[in-house]
């Protein structure tokens, strides 16, 4: 579930959930409980700025920002960015774990 920060209301929840569906399905399938918060500054004005923060236990905080002028595009942008950050962190942890495991087995 995504907490709504500044600039969003419960009325926006459907748009957010539909737009971030890929990220939300990944979070739901995870064995860890994700916490997310989304906010927007200067909504639908020049300089609109959308921020998505995600906290996943055992990981650093993931933060994505977008200044795209269309709200749906900005939501897609931050959702894809957080998903990419999570995937890179997971893959790095997997490689690090594998390298340590191979070192132990190699002795």
C-alpha atoms as a PDB file:
ATOM      1  CA  UNK A   1       0.000   0.000   0.000  1.00  0.00           C
ATOM      2  CA  UNK A   2       1.141   3.510  -0.738  1.00  0.00           C
ATOM      3  CA  UNK A   3       0.774   6.304   1.810  1.00  0.00           C
ATOM      4  CA  UNK A   4      -0.401   9.522   0.246  1.00  0.00           C
ATOM      5  CA  UNK A   5       1.834  12.453   1.054  1.00  0.00           C
ATOM      6  CA  UNK A   6       1.392  16.110   0.246  1.00  0.00           C
ATOM      7  CA  UNK A   7      -0.547  17.009  -2.881  1.00  0.00           C
ATOM      8  CA  UNK A   8      -2.582  13.785  -3.099  1.00  0.00           C
ATOM      9  CA  UNK A   9      -5.966  12.849  -1.630  1.00  0.00           C
ATOM     10  CA  UNK A  10      -7.898   9.601  -1.300  1.00  0.00           C
ATOM     11  CA  UNK A  11      -9.606  10.595  -4.555  1.00  0.00           C
ATOM     12  CA  UNK A  12      -6.234  10.021  -6.308  1.00  0.00           C
ATOM     13  CA  UNK A  13      -5.676   6.537  -4.876  1.00  0.00           C
ATOM     14  CA  UNK A  14      -7.172   4.692  -7.877  1.00  0.00           C
ATOM     15  CA  UNK A  15      -4.986   6.588 -10.371  1.00  0.00           C
ATOM     16  CA  UNK A  16      -1.906   5.898  -8.245  1.00  0.00           C
ATOM     17  CA  UNK A  17      -2.649   2.191  -7.804  1.00  0.00           C
ATOM     18  CA  UNK A  18      -3.380   1.686 -11.512  1.00  0.00           C
ATOM     19  CA  UNK A  19      -0.308   3.619 -12.608  1.00  0.00           C
ATOM     20  CA  UNK A  20       2.028   1.934 -10.108  1.00  0.00           C
ATOM     21  CA  UNK A  21       0.495  -1.535 -10.603  1.00  0.00           C
ATOM     22  CA  UNK A  22       3.744  -3.205 -11.707  1.00  0.00           C
ATOM     23  CA  UNK A  23       5.626  -1.894  -8.679  1.00  0.00           C
ATOM     24  CA  UNK A  24       2.770  -2.734  -6.318  1.00  0.00           C
ATOM     25  CA  UNK A  25       2.511  -6.302  -7.641  1.00  0.00           C
ATOM     26  CA  UNK A  26       6.271  -6.763  -7.153  1.00  0.00           C
ATOM     27  CA  UNK A  27       5.956  -5.443  -3.602  1.00  0.00           C
ATOM     28  CA  UNK A  28       2.994  -7.740  -2.883  1.00  0.00           C
ATOM     29  CA  UNK A  29       4.925 -10.771  -4.158  1.00  0.00           C
ATOM     30  CA  UNK A  30       7.941  -9.950  -1.998  1.00  0.00           C
ATOM     31  CA  UNK A  31       8.604 -11.778   1.241  1.00  0.00           C
ATOM     32  CA  UNK A  32       9.283  -8.362   2.817  1.00  0.00           C
ATOM     33  CA  UNK A  33       6.769  -5.714   3.790  1.00  0.00           C
ATOM     34  CA  UNK A  34       7.303  -2.632   1.637  1.00  0.00           C
ATOM     35  CA  UNK A  35       6.362   0.819   2.865  1.00  0.00           C
ATOM     36  CA  UNK A  36       5.878   3.541   0.262  1.00  0.00           C
ATOM     37  CA  UNK A  37       4.921   7.202   0.285  1.00  0.00           C
ATOM     38  CA  UNK A  38       4.163   9.371  -2.709  1.00  0.00           C
ATOM     39  CA  UNK A  39       3.907  13.140  -2.799  1.00  0.00           C
ATOM     40  CA  UNK A  40       3.594  15.887  -5.378  1.00  0.00           C
ATOM     41  CA  UNK A  41       4.549  19.548  -5.226  1.00  0.00           C
ATOM     42  CA  UNK A  42       3.141  22.203  -7.540  1.00  0.00           C
ATOM     43  CA  UNK A  43       0.589  19.722  -8.879  1.00  0.00           C
ATOM     44  CA  UNK A  44      -0.434  20.291 -12.501  1.00  0.00           C
ATOM     45  CA  UNK A  45       1.614  23.486 -12.635  1.00  0.00           C
ATOM     46  CA  UNK A  46       4.922  24.200 -14.323  1.00  0.00           C
ATOM     47  CA  UNK A  47       7.545  22.759 -12.024  1.00  0.00           C
ATOM     48  CA  UNK A  48       5.387  19.835 -10.830  1.00  0.00           C
ATOM     49  CA  UNK A  49       7.593  17.473  -8.812  1.00  0.00           C
ATOM     50  CA  UNK A  50       6.558  13.917  -7.862  1.00  0.00           C
ATOM     51  CA  UNK A  51       8.526  11.950  -5.251  1.00  0.00           C
ATOM     52  CA  UNK A  52       8.138   8.260  -4.404  1.00  0.00           C
ATOM     53  CA  UNK A  53       9.968   6.859  -1.393  1.00  0.00           C
ATOM     54  CA  UNK A  54      10.085   3.140  -0.630  1.00  0.00           C
ATOM     55  CA  UNK A  55      11.429   1.363   2.424  1.00  0.00           C
ATOM     56  CA  UNK A  56      12.138  -2.353   2.156  1.00  0.00           C
ATOM     57  CA  UNK A  57      13.515  -4.185   5.208  1.00  0.00           C
ATOM     58  CA  UNK A  58      17.166  -5.091   4.701  1.00  0.00           C
ATOM     59  CA  UNK A  59      17.612  -2.538   1.896  1.00  0.00           C
ATOM     60  CA  UNK A  60      18.528   1.113   1.691  1.00  0.00           C
ATOM     61  CA  UNK A  61      15.687   3.569   1.168  1.00  0.00           C
ATOM     62  CA  UNK A  62      14.743   3.953  -2.491  1.00  0.00           C
ATOM     63  CA  UNK A  63      13.825   7.447  -3.698  1.00  0.00           C
ATOM     64  CA  UNK A  64      12.641   8.463  -7.156  1.00  0.00           C
ATOM     65  CA  UNK A  65      11.731  11.920  -8.410  1.00  0.00           C
ATOM     66  CA  UNK A  66      10.107  13.131 -11.592  1.00  0.00           C
ATOM     67  CA  UNK A  67       9.427  16.578 -12.954  1.00  0.00           C
ATOM     68  CA  UNK A  68       7.429  15.405 -15.979  1.00  0.00           C
ATOM     69  CA  UNK A  69       4.497  17.791 -16.532  1.00  0.00           C
ATOM     70  CA  UNK A  70       1.823  15.074 -16.966  1.00  0.00           C
ATOM     71  CA  UNK A  71       0.890  13.497 -13.619  1.00  0.00           C
ATOM     72  CA  UNK A  72       0.340   9.982 -15.013  1.00  0.00           C
ATOM     73  CA  UNK A  73       3.699  10.127 -16.832  1.00  0.00           C
ATOM     74  CA  UNK A  74       5.412  11.312 -13.651  1.00  0.00           C
ATOM     75  CA  UNK A  75       3.844   8.449 -11.658  1.00  0.00           C
ATOM     76  CA  UNK A  76       5.007   5.942 -14.275  1.00  0.00           C
ATOM     77  CA  UNK A  77       8.476   7.483 -14.166  1.00  0.00           C
ATOM     78  CA  UNK A  78       8.914   7.236 -10.382  1.00  0.00           C
ATOM     79  CA  UNK A  79       7.386   3.742 -10.246  1.00  0.00           C
ATOM     80  CA  UNK A  80       9.775   2.440 -12.893  1.00  0.00           C
ATOM     81  CA  UNK A  81      12.734   4.127 -11.197  1.00  0.00           C
ATOM     82  CA  UNK A  82      12.024   2.586  -7.769  1.00  0.00           C
ATOM     83  CA  UNK A  83      11.528  -0.827  -9.391  1.00  0.00           C
ATOM     84  CA  UNK A  84      14.886  -0.471 -11.178  1.00  0.00           C
ATOM     85  CA  UNK A  85      16.623   0.576  -7.948  1.00  0.00           C
ATOM     86  CA  UNK A  86      15.156  -2.416  -6.103  1.00  0.00           C
ATOM     87  CA  UNK A  87      16.142  -4.847  -8.872  1.00  0.00           C
ATOM     88  CA  UNK A  88      19.719  -3.525  -8.956  1.00  0.00           C
ATOM     89  CA  UNK A  89      20.037  -3.755  -5.158  1.00  0.00           C
ATOM     90  CA  UNK A  90      18.621  -7.293  -5.146  1.00  0.00           C
ATOM     91  CA  UNK A  91      20.930  -8.402  -7.969  1.00  0.00           C
ATOM     92  CA  UNK A  92      23.957  -6.844  -6.275  1.00  0.00           C
ATOM     93  CA  UNK A  93      23.128  -8.590  -3.004  1.00  0.00           C
ATOM     94  CA  UNK A  94      22.702 -11.860  -4.878  1.00  0.00           C
ATOM     95  CA  UNK A  95      26.089 -11.471  -6.611  1.00  0.00           C
ATOM     96  CA  UNK A  96      27.782 -10.545  -3.337  1.00  0.00           C
ATOM     97  CA  UNK A  97      26.225 -13.530  -1.603  1.00  0.00           C
ATOM     98  CA  UNK A  98      27.198 -15.843  -4.454  1.00  0.00           C
ATOM     99  CA  UNK A  99      30.792 -14.557  -4.440  1.00  0.00           C
ATOM    100  CA  UNK A 100      31.091 -15.187  -0.697  1.00  0.00           C
ATOM    101  CA  UNK A 101      29.533 -18.630  -1.055  1.00  0.00           C
ATOM    102  CA  UNK A 102      31.903 -19.549  -3.902  1.00  0.00           C
ATOM    103  CA  UNK A 103      34.898 -18.392  -1.840  1.00  0.00           C
ATOM    104  CA  UNK A 104      33.903 -20.573   1.084  1.00  0.00           C
ATOM    105  CA  UNK A 105      33.335 -23.590  -1.166  1.00  0.00           C
ATOM    106  CA  UNK A 106      36.606 -22.996  -2.989  1.00  0.00           C
ATOM    107  CA  UNK A 107      38.688 -23.476   0.158  1.00  0.00           C
END
